[in-house]
């Protein structure tokens, strides 16, 4: 484990906010255990072990019902830990994988059968050696017949560079963490306005309103309040295309490790009605990941 890595919170609080029945954590990860599922040689960080059993324990502790497990860069395109967790979940988890352009149709079908419903591409320049434009274009065309979507991770300052490429993609596209806006900038500033235009002009684009702990300047002591106006704007304007997740076990956190119970308590600050909360936590993730099943 990297020496400056913070281990996930050992005793998260029980949320004060009562989640709606069937709530989904639509962005979380599994790491290892490294002895069983080694980390990728090309990784940019080495995390702590955070396997499926710990994730299920957290799910039940917080009052969640299902998980969407997102492949993280530390495992590269080796999706074995993800597939193992999906198999163990008894249908309560779906996955977002990482694949290379060399992936075969048979491998895609196996991932689909395991419960994978999307592919993630990382455009955060500090986390990748090369931006995956070519791979993404080729893979997007191949996964569209499966009904999969694309998840993209980028930082707000870079969206103008990627805008035309992203908006030409042929599938549903989910943006991680609101495109990491600079919340010290005005909410009506050019970067966040461009992100809102991305959503308003392209109805195949969704956004996760997750990770206030990565964006906030006031931190947990300030209740991440500086993130609220940004996330609430997205939720209220695009209520049918928003998702929420814990981001457990919170990779690359260097300043503080969030209490996952407090992250749940952040939800009613950004989704202020029961209708918005149900869309964010139940209806939207079910429509995207479990279209064949009921929320309960």
C-alpha atoms as a PDB file:
ATOM      1  CA  UNK A   1       0.000   0.000   0.000  1.00  0.00           C
ATOM      2  CA  UNK A   2       1.271   3.499  -0.820  1.00  0.00           C
ATOM      3  CA  UNK A   3       2.628   5.198   2.341  1.00  0.00           C
ATOM      4  CA  UNK A   4       0.352   8.241   1.939  1.00  0.00           C
ATOM      5  CA  UNK A   5      -2.751   6.113   1.300  1.00  0.00           C
ATOM      6  CA  UNK A   6      -5.597   6.472   3.771  1.00  0.00           C
ATOM      7  CA  UNK A   7      -7.479   3.286   4.656  1.00  0.00           C
ATOM      8  CA  UNK A   8     -11.283   3.402   4.454  1.00  0.00           C
ATOM      9  CA  UNK A   9     -13.161   4.465   7.593  1.00  0.00           C
ATOM     10  CA  UNK A  10     -13.119   1.554  10.071  1.00  0.00           C
ATOM     11  CA  UNK A  11     -16.399   2.443  11.806  1.00  0.00           C
ATOM     12  CA  UNK A  12     -18.698   4.505   9.597  1.00  0.00           C
ATOM     13  CA  UNK A  13     -21.669   6.024  11.351  1.00  0.00           C
ATOM     14  CA  UNK A  14     -25.244   4.913  10.851  1.00  0.00           C
ATOM     15  CA  UNK A  15     -26.845   7.531   8.588  1.00  0.00           C
ATOM     16  CA  UNK A  16     -29.496   9.809  10.018  1.00  0.00           C
ATOM     17  CA  UNK A  17     -31.116   9.933   6.573  1.00  0.00           C
ATOM     18  CA  UNK A  18     -33.345   6.933   5.957  1.00  0.00           C
ATOM     19  CA  UNK A  19     -32.699   5.705   2.442  1.00  0.00           C
ATOM     20  CA  UNK A  20     -35.664   4.756   0.264  1.00  0.00           C
ATOM     21  CA  UNK A  21     -36.293   1.040  -0.129  1.00  0.00           C
ATOM     22  CA  UNK A  22     -34.148  -0.433  -2.878  1.00  0.00           C
ATOM     23  CA  UNK A  23     -31.469   2.301  -2.783  1.00  0.00           C
ATOM     24  CA  UNK A  24     -28.408   1.689  -4.953  1.00  0.00           C
ATOM     25  CA  UNK A  25     -24.794   2.673  -4.347  1.00  0.00           C
ATOM     26  CA  UNK A  26     -24.033   3.370  -8.016  1.00  0.00           C
ATOM     27  CA  UNK A  27     -20.311   4.054  -7.667  1.00  0.00           C
ATOM     28  CA  UNK A  28     -18.050   1.905  -5.526  1.00  0.00           C
ATOM     29  CA  UNK A  29     -15.010  -0.318  -6.013  1.00  0.00           C
ATOM     30  CA  UNK A  30     -13.385  -3.554  -4.938  1.00  0.00           C
ATOM     31  CA  UNK A  31      -9.594  -3.752  -4.508  1.00  0.00           C
ATOM     32  CA  UNK A  32      -8.047  -7.198  -4.383  1.00  0.00           C
ATOM     33  CA  UNK A  33      -7.400  -8.803  -2.020  1.00  0.00           C
ATOM     34  CA  UNK A  34      -4.010  -8.490  -3.720  1.00  0.00           C
ATOM     35  CA  UNK A  35      -3.059 -12.051  -2.804  1.00  0.00           C
ATOM     36  CA  UNK A  36      -5.952 -13.314  -4.909  1.00  0.00           C
ATOM     37  CA  UNK A  37      -6.371 -10.529  -7.459  1.00  0.00           C
ATOM     38  CA  UNK A  38      -3.013  -8.753  -7.994  1.00  0.00           C
ATOM     39  CA  UNK A  39      -2.920  -5.095  -8.907  1.00  0.00           C
ATOM     40  CA  UNK A  40      -1.869  -4.060 -12.408  1.00  0.00           C
ATOM     41  CA  UNK A  41       1.862  -3.499 -12.991  1.00  0.00           C
ATOM     42  CA  UNK A  42       1.110  -0.190 -14.756  1.00  0.00           C
ATOM     43  CA  UNK A  43      -0.983   1.205 -11.866  1.00  0.00           C
ATOM     44  CA  UNK A  44      -0.430   4.754 -10.649  1.00  0.00           C
ATOM     45  CA  UNK A  45      -1.193   3.864  -7.022  1.00  0.00           C
ATOM     46  CA  UNK A  46      -1.275   0.805  -4.785  1.00  0.00           C
ATOM     47  CA  UNK A  47      -4.390   0.721  -2.599  1.00  0.00           C
ATOM     48  CA  UNK A  48      -5.317  -1.151   0.536  1.00  0.00           C
ATOM     49  CA  UNK A  49      -7.171  -4.437   0.213  1.00  0.00           C
ATOM     50  CA  UNK A  50     -10.905  -3.764   0.075  1.00  0.00           C
ATOM     51  CA  UNK A  51     -12.659  -6.884  -1.100  1.00  0.00           C
ATOM     52  CA  UNK A  52     -16.267  -7.792  -1.744  1.00  0.00           C
ATOM     53  CA  UNK A  53     -17.093  -8.994   1.770  1.00  0.00           C
ATOM     54  CA  UNK A  54     -16.232  -5.605   3.251  1.00  0.00           C
ATOM     55  CA  UNK A  55     -18.311  -3.917   0.559  1.00  0.00           C
ATOM     56  CA  UNK A  56     -21.359  -6.053   1.344  1.00  0.00           C
ATOM     57  CA  UNK A  57     -20.928  -5.280   5.056  1.00  0.00           C
ATOM     58  CA  UNK A  58     -20.899  -1.557   4.310  1.00  0.00           C
ATOM     59  CA  UNK A  59     -23.935  -1.885   2.018  1.00  0.00           C
ATOM     60  CA  UNK A  60     -25.989  -3.472   4.782  1.00  0.00           C
ATOM     61  CA  UNK A  61     -24.688  -1.098   7.461  1.00  0.00           C
ATOM     62  CA  UNK A  62     -25.746   1.973   5.471  1.00  0.00           C
ATOM     63  CA  UNK A  63     -29.155   0.563   4.562  1.00  0.00           C
ATOM     64  CA  UNK A  64     -28.428   0.207   0.847  1.00  0.00           C
ATOM     65  CA  UNK A  65     -29.814  -2.622  -1.272  1.00  0.00           C
ATOM     66  CA  UNK A  66     -27.588  -2.889  -4.335  1.00  0.00           C
ATOM     67  CA  UNK A  67     -24.193  -1.841  -5.704  1.00  0.00           C
ATOM     68  CA  UNK A  68     -22.681  -0.818  -8.996  1.00  0.00           C
ATOM     69  CA  UNK A  69     -19.002  -1.750  -8.835  1.00  0.00           C
ATOM     70  CA  UNK A  70     -16.715   0.314 -11.033  1.00  0.00           C
ATOM     71  CA  UNK A  71     -13.354  -1.065 -12.138  1.00  0.00           C
ATOM     72  CA  UNK A  72     -10.603   1.200 -10.828  1.00  0.00           C
ATOM     73  CA  UNK A  73      -7.309   1.974 -12.556  1.00  0.00           C
ATOM     74  CA  UNK A  74      -5.242   0.032 -10.002  1.00  0.00           C
ATOM     75  CA  UNK A  75      -6.569  -3.228 -11.514  1.00  0.00           C
ATOM     76  CA  UNK A  76      -6.153  -2.057 -15.110  1.00  0.00           C
ATOM     77  CA  UNK A  77      -8.105  -4.203 -17.573  1.00  0.00           C
ATOM     78  CA  UNK A  78      -7.943  -7.288 -15.344  1.00  0.00           C
ATOM     79  CA  UNK A  79     -11.592  -7.489 -14.300  1.00  0.00           C
ATOM     80  CA  UNK A  80     -11.332 -10.704 -12.258  1.00  0.00           C
ATOM     81  CA  UNK A  81     -11.941  -9.060  -8.872  1.00  0.00           C
ATOM     82  CA  UNK A  82     -14.971  -7.270 -10.297  1.00  0.00           C
ATOM     83  CA  UNK A  83     -16.417 -10.420 -11.882  1.00  0.00           C
ATOM     84  CA  UNK A  84     -15.817 -12.388  -8.678  1.00  0.00           C
ATOM     85  CA  UNK A  85     -17.767  -9.808  -6.675  1.00  0.00           C
ATOM     86  CA  UNK A  86     -20.627  -9.810  -9.173  1.00  0.00           C
ATOM     87  CA  UNK A  87     -20.867 -13.600  -8.975  1.00  0.00           C
ATOM     88  CA  UNK A  88     -20.993 -13.435  -5.176  1.00  0.00           C
ATOM     89  CA  UNK A  89     -23.619 -10.684  -5.055  1.00  0.00           C
ATOM     90  CA  UNK A  90     -26.627 -12.886  -5.861  1.00  0.00           C
ATOM     91  CA  UNK A  91     -27.858 -10.372  -8.393  1.00  0.00           C
ATOM     92  CA  UNK A  92     -27.448  -7.360  -6.094  1.00  0.00           C
ATOM     93  CA  UNK A  93     -24.500  -5.909  -7.984  1.00  0.00           C
ATOM     94  CA  UNK A  94     -23.760  -4.820 -11.527  1.00  0.00           C
ATOM     95  CA  UNK A  95     -20.411  -3.815 -12.940  1.00  0.00           C
ATOM     96  CA  UNK A  96     -18.578  -1.257 -15.044  1.00  0.00           C
ATOM     97  CA  UNK A  97     -15.453  -2.840 -16.520  1.00  0.00           C
ATOM     98  CA  UNK A  98     -12.239  -1.623 -18.103  1.00  0.00           C
ATOM     99  CA  UNK A  99     -11.400  -3.234 -21.442  1.00  0.00           C
ATOM    100  CA  UNK A 100      -8.807  -2.712 -24.137  1.00  0.00           C
ATOM    101  CA  UNK A 101      -9.412  -2.448 -27.870  1.00  0.00           C
ATOM    102  CA  UNK A 102      -8.073  -5.999 -28.194  1.00  0.00           C
ATOM    103  CA  UNK A 103     -10.980  -7.446 -26.170  1.00  0.00           C
ATOM    104  CA  UNK A 104     -12.748 -10.214 -28.059  1.00  0.00           C
ATOM    105  CA  UNK A 105     -16.484 -10.526 -28.652  1.00  0.00           C
ATOM    106  CA  UNK A 106     -16.432 -13.685 -26.545  1.00  0.00           C
ATOM    107  CA  UNK A 107     -14.827 -11.813 -23.634  1.00  0.00           C
ATOM    108  CA  UNK A 108     -17.436  -9.060 -23.899  1.00  0.00           C
ATOM    109  CA  UNK A 109     -20.196 -11.667 -23.832  1.00  0.00           C
ATOM    110  CA  UNK A 110     -18.709 -13.292 -20.723  1.00  0.00           C
ATOM    111  CA  UNK A 111     -18.585  -9.911 -18.998  1.00  0.00           C
ATOM    112  CA  UNK A 112     -22.174  -9.237 -20.021  1.00  0.00           C
ATOM    113  CA  UNK A 113     -23.287 -12.575 -18.578  1.00  0.00           C
ATOM    114  CA  UNK A 114     -21.437 -11.744 -15.345  1.00  0.00           C
ATOM    115  CA  UNK A 115     -23.433  -8.527 -14.922  1.00  0.00           C
ATOM    116  CA  UNK A 116     -21.226  -5.890 -16.521  1.00  0.00           C
ATOM    117  CA  UNK A 117     -23.299  -3.111 -18.074  1.00  0.00           C
ATOM    118  CA  UNK A 118     -20.727  -0.483 -18.962  1.00  0.00           C
ATOM    119  CA  UNK A 119     -17.101   0.335 -19.717  1.00  0.00           C
ATOM    120  CA  UNK A 120     -15.091   3.061 -18.012  1.00  0.00           C
ATOM    121  CA  UNK A 121     -12.513   5.335 -19.607  1.00  0.00           C
ATOM    122  CA  UNK A 122     -10.234   7.614 -17.616  1.00  0.00           C
ATOM    123  CA  UNK A 123      -9.381  11.040 -19.034  1.00  0.00           C
ATOM    124  CA  UNK A 124      -7.793  12.405 -15.843  1.00  0.00           C
ATOM    125  CA  UNK A 125      -4.345  13.119 -17.192  1.00  0.00           C
ATOM    126  CA  UNK A 126      -2.466  12.464 -13.962  1.00  0.00           C
ATOM    127  CA  UNK A 127      -3.916   8.932 -13.733  1.00  0.00           C
ATOM    128  CA  UNK A 128      -3.157   7.621 -17.222  1.00  0.00           C
ATOM    129  CA  UNK A 129      -0.109   7.401 -19.480  1.00  0.00           C
ATOM    130  CA  UNK A 130      -2.098   8.198 -22.622  1.00  0.00           C
ATOM    131  CA  UNK A 131      -5.635   9.463 -23.208  1.00  0.00           C
ATOM    132  CA  UNK A 132      -7.804   6.625 -24.567  1.00  0.00           C
ATOM    133  CA  UNK A 133      -9.448   8.331 -27.560  1.00  0.00           C
ATOM    134  CA  UNK A 134      -8.814   5.562 -30.087  1.00  0.00           C
ATOM    135  CA  UNK A 135      -9.743   2.702 -27.756  1.00  0.00           C
ATOM    136  CA  UNK A 136     -12.924   4.439 -26.662  1.00  0.00           C
ATOM    137  CA  UNK A 137     -14.139   5.077 -30.193  1.00  0.00           C
ATOM    138  CA  UNK A 138     -13.613   1.454 -31.255  1.00  0.00           C
ATOM    139  CA  UNK A 139     -15.057  -0.061 -28.095  1.00  0.00           C
ATOM    140  CA  UNK A 140     -18.086   2.249 -28.083  1.00  0.00           C
ATOM    141  CA  UNK A 141     -19.187   0.866 -31.435  1.00  0.00           C
ATOM    142  CA  UNK A 142     -18.768  -2.720 -30.218  1.00  0.00           C
ATOM    143  CA  UNK A 143     -20.645  -2.382 -26.922  1.00  0.00           C
ATOM    144  CA  UNK A 144     -23.605  -0.458 -28.308  1.00  0.00           C
ATOM    145  CA  UNK A 145     -25.364  -3.685 -29.476  1.00  0.00           C
ATOM    146  CA  UNK A 146     -25.034  -5.072 -25.932  1.00  0.00           C
ATOM    147  CA  UNK A 147     -26.943  -2.093 -24.535  1.00  0.00           C
ATOM    148  CA  UNK A 148     -23.937  -1.094 -22.434  1.00  0.00           C
ATOM    149  CA  UNK A 149     -23.026   2.483 -21.615  1.00  0.00           C
ATOM    150  CA  UNK A 150     -19.753   4.364 -21.289  1.00  0.00           C
ATOM    151  CA  UNK A 151     -18.493   5.937 -18.076  1.00  0.00           C
ATOM    152  CA  UNK A 152     -16.010   8.795 -18.455  1.00  0.00           C
ATOM    153  CA  UNK A 153     -13.861  10.429 -15.799  1.00  0.00           C
ATOM    154  CA  UNK A 154     -12.356  13.838 -16.496  1.00  0.00           C
ATOM    155  CA  UNK A 155     -11.638  17.159 -14.835  1.00  0.00           C
ATOM    156  CA  UNK A 156     -13.669  20.291 -15.541  1.00  0.00           C
ATOM    157  CA  UNK A 157     -10.824  22.310 -17.017  1.00  0.00           C
ATOM    158  CA  UNK A 158     -10.368  19.700 -19.760  1.00  0.00           C
ATOM    159  CA  UNK A 159     -13.999  19.341 -20.907  1.00  0.00           C
ATOM    160  CA  UNK A 160     -13.721  21.915 -23.686  1.00  0.00           C
ATOM    161  CA  UNK A 161     -10.870  19.863 -25.170  1.00  0.00           C
ATOM    162  CA  UNK A 162     -12.967  16.674 -25.151  1.00  0.00           C
ATOM    163  CA  UNK A 163     -16.422  18.085 -25.840  1.00  0.00           C
ATOM    164  CA  UNK A 164     -16.826  17.274 -29.532  1.00  0.00           C
ATOM    165  CA  UNK A 165     -15.350  13.813 -29.129  1.00  0.00           C
ATOM    166  CA  UNK A 166     -17.589  12.918 -26.182  1.00  0.00           C
ATOM    167  CA  UNK A 167     -20.782  14.185 -27.782  1.00  0.00           C
ATOM    168  CA  UNK A 168     -20.195  12.034 -30.877  1.00  0.00           C
ATOM    169  CA  UNK A 169     -20.276   8.800 -28.859  1.00  0.00           C
ATOM    170  CA  UNK A 170     -23.098   6.412 -29.867  1.00  0.00           C
ATOM    171  CA  UNK A 171     -24.149   5.147 -26.423  1.00  0.00           C
ATOM    172  CA  UNK A 172     -25.464   6.424 -23.121  1.00  0.00           C
ATOM    173  CA  UNK A 173     -22.571   8.216 -21.391  1.00  0.00           C
ATOM    174  CA  UNK A 174     -22.271   8.599 -17.613  1.00  0.00           C
ATOM    175  CA  UNK A 175     -19.938  11.275 -16.232  1.00  0.00           C
ATOM    176  CA  UNK A 176     -18.187  10.517 -12.958  1.00  0.00           C
ATOM    177  CA  UNK A 177     -18.469  13.053 -10.135  1.00  0.00           C
ATOM    178  CA  UNK A 178     -19.986  15.928 -12.172  1.00  0.00           C
ATOM    179  CA  UNK A 179     -16.764  16.190 -14.172  1.00  0.00           C
ATOM    180  CA  UNK A 180     -14.897  17.296 -11.037  1.00  0.00           C
ATOM    181  CA  UNK A 181     -15.937  20.975 -11.029  1.00  0.00           C
ATOM    182  CA  UNK A 182     -13.803  23.599  -9.330  1.00  0.00           C
ATOM    183  CA  UNK A 183     -16.220  24.542  -6.578  1.00  0.00           C
ATOM    184  CA  UNK A 184     -14.153  27.615  -5.683  1.00  0.00           C
ATOM    185  CA  UNK A 185     -15.235  29.080  -9.035  1.00  0.00           C
ATOM    186  CA  UNK A 186     -18.654  30.700  -9.494  1.00  0.00           C
ATOM    187  CA  UNK A 187     -21.441  28.262 -10.243  1.00  0.00           C
ATOM    188  CA  UNK A 188     -22.275  30.326 -13.327  1.00  0.00           C
ATOM    189  CA  UNK A 189     -18.647  30.292 -14.468  1.00  0.00           C
ATOM    190  CA  UNK A 190     -17.657  28.965 -17.907  1.00  0.00           C
ATOM    191  CA  UNK A 191     -16.461  25.516 -16.849  1.00  0.00           C
ATOM    192  CA  UNK A 192     -19.605  24.473 -14.985  1.00  0.00           C
ATOM    193  CA  UNK A 193     -21.837  26.139 -17.567  1.00  0.00           C
ATOM    194  CA  UNK A 194     -20.168  23.995 -20.235  1.00  0.00           C
ATOM    195  CA  UNK A 195     -20.841  20.890 -18.162  1.00  0.00           C
ATOM    196  CA  UNK A 196     -24.503  21.831 -17.781  1.00  0.00           C
ATOM    197  CA  UNK A 197     -24.674  22.414 -21.528  1.00  0.00           C
ATOM    198  CA  UNK A 198     -23.221  18.944 -22.076  1.00  0.00           C
ATOM    199  CA  UNK A 199     -26.190  17.514 -20.163  1.00  0.00           C
ATOM    200  CA  UNK A 200     -28.875  19.822 -21.536  1.00  0.00           C
ATOM    201  CA  UNK A 201     -27.891  19.474 -25.199  1.00  0.00           C
ATOM    202  CA  UNK A 202     -27.247  15.713 -25.132  1.00  0.00           C
ATOM    203  CA  UNK A 203     -29.990  13.599 -23.584  1.00  0.00           C
ATOM    204  CA  UNK A 204     -27.799  10.478 -23.695  1.00  0.00           C
ATOM    205  CA  UNK A 205     -25.537  12.025 -21.017  1.00  0.00           C
ATOM    206  CA  UNK A 206     -25.978  11.249 -17.318  1.00  0.00           C
ATOM    207  CA  UNK A 207     -24.025  12.477 -14.289  1.00  0.00           C
ATOM    208  CA  UNK A 208     -23.021  11.055 -10.940  1.00  0.00           C
ATOM    209  CA  UNK A 209     -23.393  13.577  -8.120  1.00  0.00           C
ATOM    210  CA  UNK A 210     -20.932  11.680  -5.967  1.00  0.00           C
ATOM    211  CA  UNK A 211     -17.659  12.429  -4.167  1.00  0.00           C
ATOM    212  CA  UNK A 212     -18.192  15.737  -2.368  1.00  0.00           C
ATOM    213  CA  UNK A 213     -15.143  14.710  -0.318  1.00  0.00           C
ATOM    214  CA  UNK A 214     -12.980  15.035  -3.458  1.00  0.00           C
ATOM    215  CA  UNK A 215     -14.320  18.448  -4.408  1.00  0.00           C
ATOM    216  CA  UNK A 216     -14.943  20.322  -1.172  1.00  0.00           C
ATOM    217  CA  UNK A 217     -12.735  22.987   0.298  1.00  0.00           C
ATOM    218  CA  UNK A 218     -14.549  23.020   3.646  1.00  0.00           C
ATOM    219  CA  UNK A 219     -14.355  19.252   4.107  1.00  0.00           C
ATOM    220  CA  UNK A 220     -16.379  17.082   6.468  1.00  0.00           C
ATOM    221  CA  UNK A 221     -16.244  19.682   9.247  1.00  0.00           C
ATOM    222  CA  UNK A 222     -18.188  22.018   6.974  1.00  0.00           C
ATOM    223  CA  UNK A 223     -20.533  19.277   5.833  1.00  0.00           C
ATOM    224  CA  UNK A 224     -19.216  19.617   2.258  1.00  0.00           C
ATOM    225  CA  UNK A 225     -21.635  22.534   1.977  1.00  0.00           C
ATOM    226  CA  UNK A 226     -19.634  24.238  -0.772  1.00  0.00           C
ATOM    227  CA  UNK A 227     -20.440  21.329  -3.111  1.00  0.00           C
ATOM    228  CA  UNK A 228     -24.199  21.483  -2.459  1.00  0.00           C
ATOM    229  CA  UNK A 229     -25.143  24.237  -4.968  1.00  0.00           C
ATOM    230  CA  UNK A 230     -23.373  22.436  -7.804  1.00  0.00           C
ATOM    231  CA  UNK A 231     -24.808  18.997  -7.076  1.00  0.00           C
ATOM    232  CA  UNK A 232     -28.311  20.324  -6.359  1.00  0.00           C
ATOM    233  CA  UNK A 233     -28.309  22.182  -9.682  1.00  0.00           C
ATOM    234  CA  UNK A 234     -27.534  18.946 -11.528  1.00  0.00           C
ATOM    235  CA  UNK A 235     -30.107  16.914  -9.585  1.00  0.00           C
ATOM    236  CA  UNK A 236     -32.919  19.428 -10.025  1.00  0.00           C
ATOM    237  CA  UNK A 237     -32.307  20.083 -13.718  1.00  0.00           C
ATOM    238  CA  UNK A 238     -31.568  16.510 -14.818  1.00  0.00           C
ATOM    239  CA  UNK A 239     -33.472  14.451 -12.272  1.00  0.00           C
ATOM    240  CA  UNK A 240     -33.977  11.485 -14.611  1.00  0.00           C
ATOM    241  CA  UNK A 241     -30.264  11.230 -15.460  1.00  0.00           C
ATOM    242  CA  UNK A 242     -28.439  11.423 -12.139  1.00  0.00           C
ATOM    243  CA  UNK A 243     -26.807   8.738 -10.000  1.00  0.00           C
ATOM    244  CA  UNK A 244     -25.196   8.692  -6.556  1.00  0.00           C
ATOM    245  CA  UNK A 245     -22.537   6.506  -4.968  1.00  0.00           C
ATOM    246  CA  UNK A 246     -20.205   6.318  -2.000  1.00  0.00           C
ATOM    247  CA  UNK A 247     -16.958   5.825  -3.984  1.00  0.00           C
ATOM    248  CA  UNK A 248     -15.925   3.342  -1.270  1.00  0.00           C
ATOM    249  CA  UNK A 249     -13.110   2.616  -0.445  1.00  0.00           C
ATOM    250  CA  UNK A 250     -12.216   6.137  -1.604  1.00  0.00           C
ATOM    251  CA  UNK A 251      -9.051   5.701  -3.688  1.00  0.00           C
ATOM    252  CA  UNK A 252      -6.308   8.319  -3.576  1.00  0.00           C
ATOM    253  CA  UNK A 253      -7.713  10.259  -0.639  1.00  0.00           C
ATOM    254  CA  UNK A 254      -4.729  12.022   0.942  1.00  0.00           C
ATOM    255  CA  UNK A 255      -6.213  14.608   3.339  1.00  0.00           C
ATOM    256  CA  UNK A 256      -9.084  12.848   5.094  1.00  0.00           C
ATOM    257  CA  UNK A 257     -11.054   9.623   4.880  1.00  0.00           C
ATOM    258  CA  UNK A 258     -14.795  10.266   4.718  1.00  0.00           C
ATOM    259  CA  UNK A 259     -17.324   8.651   6.994  1.00  0.00           C
ATOM    260  CA  UNK A 260     -19.636   6.804   4.595  1.00  0.00           C
ATOM    261  CA  UNK A 261     -22.606   7.364   6.887  1.00  0.00           C
ATOM    262  CA  UNK A 262     -22.069  11.118   6.564  1.00  0.00           C
ATOM    263  CA  UNK A 263     -21.893  10.758   2.777  1.00  0.00           C
ATOM    264  CA  UNK A 264     -25.371   9.225   2.884  1.00  0.00           C
ATOM    265  CA  UNK A 265     -26.496  12.177   4.989  1.00  0.00           C
ATOM    266  CA  UNK A 266     -25.265  14.470   2.198  1.00  0.00           C
ATOM    267  CA  UNK A 267     -27.984  13.125  -0.126  1.00  0.00           C
ATOM    268  CA  UNK A 268     -30.975  15.114   1.223  1.00  0.00           C
ATOM    269  CA  UNK A 269     -28.956  18.317   0.864  1.00  0.00           C
ATOM    270  CA  UNK A 270     -28.776  17.841  -2.896  1.00  0.00           C
ATOM    271  CA  UNK A 271     -32.021  15.926  -3.512  1.00  0.00           C
ATOM    272  CA  UNK A 272     -34.425  17.803  -1.289  1.00  0.00           C
ATOM    273  CA  UNK A 273     -37.693  15.968  -1.956  1.00  0.00           C
ATOM    274  CA  UNK A 274     -38.636  12.324  -1.607  1.00  0.00           C
ATOM    275  CA  UNK A 275     -39.390  12.225  -5.321  1.00  0.00           C
ATOM    276  CA  UNK A 276     -35.909  13.460  -6.222  1.00  0.00           C
ATOM    277  CA  UNK A 277     -34.332  11.109  -3.701  1.00  0.00           C
ATOM    278  CA  UNK A 278     -36.141   8.112  -5.142  1.00  0.00           C
ATOM    279  CA  UNK A 279     -35.120   9.017  -8.700  1.00  0.00           C
ATOM    280  CA  UNK A 280     -31.498   9.508  -7.678  1.00  0.00           C
ATOM    281  CA  UNK A 281     -31.154   6.415  -5.519  1.00  0.00           C
ATOM    282  CA  UNK A 282     -33.628   3.895  -6.942  1.00  0.00           C
ATOM    283  CA  UNK A 283     -35.403   4.658 -10.205  1.00  0.00           C
ATOM    284  CA  UNK A 284     -32.438   5.898 -12.243  1.00  0.00           C
ATOM    285  CA  UNK A 285     -29.869   3.241 -11.305  1.00  0.00           C
ATOM    286  CA  UNK A 286     -32.478   0.520 -11.693  1.00  0.00           C
ATOM    287  CA  UNK A 287     -33.392   1.760 -15.164  1.00  0.00           C
ATOM    288  CA  UNK A 288     -29.750   1.816 -16.229  1.00  0.00           C
ATOM    289  CA  UNK A 289     -28.443  -1.349 -14.540  1.00  0.00           C
ATOM    290  CA  UNK A 290     -31.443  -3.577 -13.789  1.00  0.00           C
ATOM    291  CA  UNK A 291     -33.998  -2.720 -16.470  1.00  0.00           C
ATOM    292  CA  UNK A 292     -35.293  -6.268 -16.269  1.00  0.00           C
ATOM    293  CA  UNK A 293     -35.973  -6.299 -12.514  1.00  0.00           C
ATOM    294  CA  UNK A 294     -37.914  -4.507  -9.799  1.00  0.00           C
ATOM    295  CA  UNK A 295     -36.293  -2.244  -7.237  1.00  0.00           C
ATOM    296  CA  UNK A 296     -37.019  -4.689  -4.448  1.00  0.00           C
END
